[in-house]
C-alpha atoms as a PDB file:
ATOM      1  CA  UNK A   1      50.322-132.856  68.774  1.00  0.00           C
ATOM      2  CA  UNK A   2      51.156-131.396  72.178  1.00  0.00           C
ATOM      3  CA  UNK A   3      52.987-128.509  70.461  1.00  0.00           C
ATOM      4  CA  UNK A   4      49.786-127.609  68.622  1.00  0.00           C
ATOM      5  CA  UNK A   5      47.730-127.813  71.801  1.00  0.00           C
ATOM      6  CA  UNK A   6      50.246-125.657  73.658  1.00  0.00           C
ATOM      7  CA  UNK A   7      50.194-123.087  70.860  1.00  0.00           C
ATOM      8  CA  UNK A   8      46.385-123.037  70.871  1.00  0.00           C
ATOM      9  CA  UNK A   9      46.322-122.452  74.614  1.00  0.00           C
ATOM     10  CA  UNK A  10      48.948-119.734  74.258  1.00  0.00           C
ATOM     11  CA  UNK A  11      46.909-117.970  71.563  1.00  0.00           C
ATOM     12  CA  UNK A  12      43.793-118.126  73.751  1.00  0.00           C
ATOM     13  CA  UNK A  13      45.759-116.619  76.636  1.00  0.00           C
ATOM     14  CA  UNK A  14      47.166-113.836  74.435  1.00  0.00           C
ATOM     15  CA  UNK A  15      43.700-112.955  73.115  1.00  0.00           C
ATOM     16  CA  UNK A  16      42.397-112.935  76.670  1.00  0.00           C
ATOM     17  CA  UNK A  17      45.172-110.624  77.884  1.00  0.00           C
ATOM     18  CA  UNK A  18      44.726-108.299  74.904  1.00  0.00           C
ATOM     19  CA  UNK A  19      41.019-108.001  75.688  1.00  0.00           C
ATOM     20  CA  UNK A  20      41.904-107.209  79.313  1.00  0.00           C
ATOM     21  CA  UNK A  21      44.300-104.477  78.198  1.00  0.00           C
ATOM     22  CA  UNK A  22      41.719-103.105  75.757  1.00  0.00           C
ATOM     23  CA  UNK A  23      39.031-102.916  78.461  1.00  0.00           C
ATOM     24  CA  UNK A  24      41.449-101.276  80.900  1.00  0.00           C
ATOM     25  CA  UNK A  25      42.453 -98.671  78.304  1.00  0.00           C
ATOM     26  CA  UNK A  26      38.797 -97.943  77.600  1.00  0.00           C
ATOM     27  CA  UNK A  27      38.162 -97.523  81.310  1.00  0.00           C
ATOM     28  CA  UNK A  28      41.107 -95.143  81.719  1.00  0.00           C
ATOM     29  CA  UNK A  29      39.995 -93.102  78.713  1.00  0.00           C
ATOM     30  CA  UNK A  30      36.419 -92.993  79.993  1.00  0.00           C
ATOM     31  CA  UNK A  31      35.014 -94.442  76.780  1.00  0.00           C
ATOM     32  CA  UNK A  32      33.297 -97.529  78.150  1.00  0.00           C
ATOM     33  CA  UNK A  33      31.960 -98.221  81.627  1.00  0.00           C
ATOM     34  CA  UNK A  34      31.894-101.958  82.081  1.00  0.00           C
ATOM     35  CA  UNK A  35      33.976-105.070  81.574  1.00  0.00           C
ATOM     36  CA  UNK A  36      31.432-106.856  79.355  1.00  0.00           C
ATOM     37  CA  UNK A  37      33.911-107.463  76.519  1.00  0.00           C
ATOM     38  CA  UNK A  38      36.421-108.888  78.987  1.00  0.00           C
ATOM     39  CA  UNK A  39      33.958-111.507  80.238  1.00  0.00           C
ATOM     40  CA  UNK A  40      32.727-112.331  76.731  1.00  0.00           C
ATOM     41  CA  UNK A  41      36.291-113.055  75.620  1.00  0.00           C
ATOM     42  CA  UNK A  42      36.846-115.036  78.846  1.00  0.00           C
ATOM     43  CA  UNK A  43      33.827-117.231  78.070  1.00  0.00           C
ATOM     44  CA  UNK A  44      35.098-117.946  74.547  1.00  0.00           C
ATOM     45  CA  UNK A  45      38.804-118.458  75.323  1.00  0.00           C
ATOM     46  CA  UNK A  46      38.922-120.218  78.702  1.00  0.00           C
ATOM     47  CA  UNK A  47      37.049-123.418  77.691  1.00  0.00           C
ATOM     48  CA  UNK A  48      39.336-124.133  74.687  1.00  0.00           C
ATOM     49  CA  UNK A  49      42.366-123.459  76.881  1.00  0.00           C
ATOM     50  CA  UNK A  50      41.129-125.895  79.516  1.00  0.00           C
ATOM     51  CA  UNK A  51      40.292-128.516  76.875  1.00  0.00           C
ATOM     52  CA  UNK A  52      43.744-128.169  75.282  1.00  0.00           C
ATOM     53  CA  UNK A  53      45.380-128.456  78.699  1.00  0.00           C
ATOM     54  CA  UNK A  54      43.463-131.619  79.551  1.00  0.00           C
ATOM     55  CA  UNK A  55      44.251-133.147  76.159  1.00  0.00           C
ATOM     56  CA  UNK A  56      47.940-132.333  76.573  1.00  0.00           C
ATOM     57  CA  UNK A  57      47.964-133.868  80.042  1.00  0.00           C
ATOM     58  CA  UNK A  58      46.420-137.016  78.627  1.00  0.00           C
ATOM     59  CA  UNK A  59      48.825-137.177  75.670  1.00  0.00           C
ATOM     60  CA  UNK A  60      52.191-136.235  77.162  1.00  0.00           C
ATOM     61  CA  UNK A  61      51.754-135.934  80.901  1.00  0.00           C
ATOM     62  CA  UNK A  62      51.920-132.949  83.242  1.00  0.00           C
ATOM     63  CA  UNK A  63      55.714-132.521  83.213  1.00  0.00           C
ATOM     64  CA  UNK A  64      56.156-132.244  79.446  1.00  0.00           C
ATOM     65  CA  UNK A  65      53.310-129.749  78.845  1.00  0.00           C
ATOM     66  CA  UNK A  66      55.007-126.710  80.402  1.00  0.00           C
ATOM     67  CA  UNK A  67      53.812-124.214  77.784  1.00  0.00           C
ATOM     68  CA  UNK A  68      50.232-125.288  78.316  1.00  0.00           C
ATOM     69  CA  UNK A  69      50.462-124.895  82.087  1.00  0.00           C
ATOM     70  CA  UNK A  70      52.071-121.486  81.733  1.00  0.00           C
ATOM     71  CA  UNK A  71      49.452-120.322  79.251  1.00  0.00           C
ATOM     72  CA  UNK A  72      46.626-121.591  81.422  1.00  0.00           C
ATOM     73  CA  UNK A  73      48.016-119.756  84.459  1.00  0.00           C
ATOM     74  CA  UNK A  74      47.852-116.498  82.477  1.00  0.00           C
ATOM     75  CA  UNK A  75      44.066-116.564  82.865  1.00  0.00           C
ATOM     76  CA  UNK A  76      44.436-115.813  86.588  1.00  0.00           C
ATOM     77  CA  UNK A  77      46.747-112.856  85.983  1.00  0.00           C
ATOM     78  CA  UNK A  78      44.115-110.078  85.523  1.00  0.00           C
ATOM     79  CA  UNK A  79      42.293-111.188  88.650  1.00  0.00           C
ATOM     80  CA  UNK A  80      45.548-111.186  90.624  1.00  0.00           C
ATOM     81  CA  UNK A  81      46.356-107.707  89.278  1.00  0.00           C
ATOM     82  CA  UNK A  82      42.903-106.473  90.303  1.00  0.00           C
ATOM     83  CA  UNK A  83      43.211-107.940  93.797  1.00  0.00           C
ATOM     84  CA  UNK A  84      46.725-106.511  94.177  1.00  0.00           C
ATOM     85  CA  UNK A  85      45.532-103.100  92.995  1.00  0.00           C
ATOM     86  CA  UNK A  86      42.650-103.130  95.446  1.00  0.00           C
ATOM     87  CA  UNK A  87      44.949-104.109  98.314  1.00  0.00           C
ATOM     88  CA  UNK A  88      47.456-101.424  97.325  1.00  0.00           C
ATOM     89  CA  UNK A  89      44.713 -98.785  97.139  1.00  0.00           C
ATOM     90  CA  UNK A  90      43.386 -99.808 100.534  1.00  0.00           C
ATOM     91  CA  UNK A  91      46.859 -99.738 102.068  1.00  0.00           C
ATOM     92  CA  UNK A  92      47.658 -96.271 100.719  1.00  0.00           C
ATOM     93  CA  UNK A  93      44.260 -94.943 101.757  1.00  0.00           C
ATOM     94  CA  UNK A  94      44.701 -96.235 105.329  1.00  0.00           C
ATOM     95  CA  UNK A  95      47.903 -94.242 105.810  1.00  0.00           C
END
């Protein structure tokens, strides 16, 4: 059961990252001006990922659900990339 929950969380994380990449490519190409799709996919993929993580924690414990924890941490990755990019741009602009 925990394998299925981990796989579900992983699929949600992959869909979320693919939507992030798609929105970034649209922004670079100048096709779309706005991250609406990114936040729509976030709203539909983050709750199932959190539910699967909680269910896995209840069923097998926090130490045995490594795939679920890893997949859930992927949701913070685009925000960390954006913050890092903003800090890098500010640092290069200051010099």
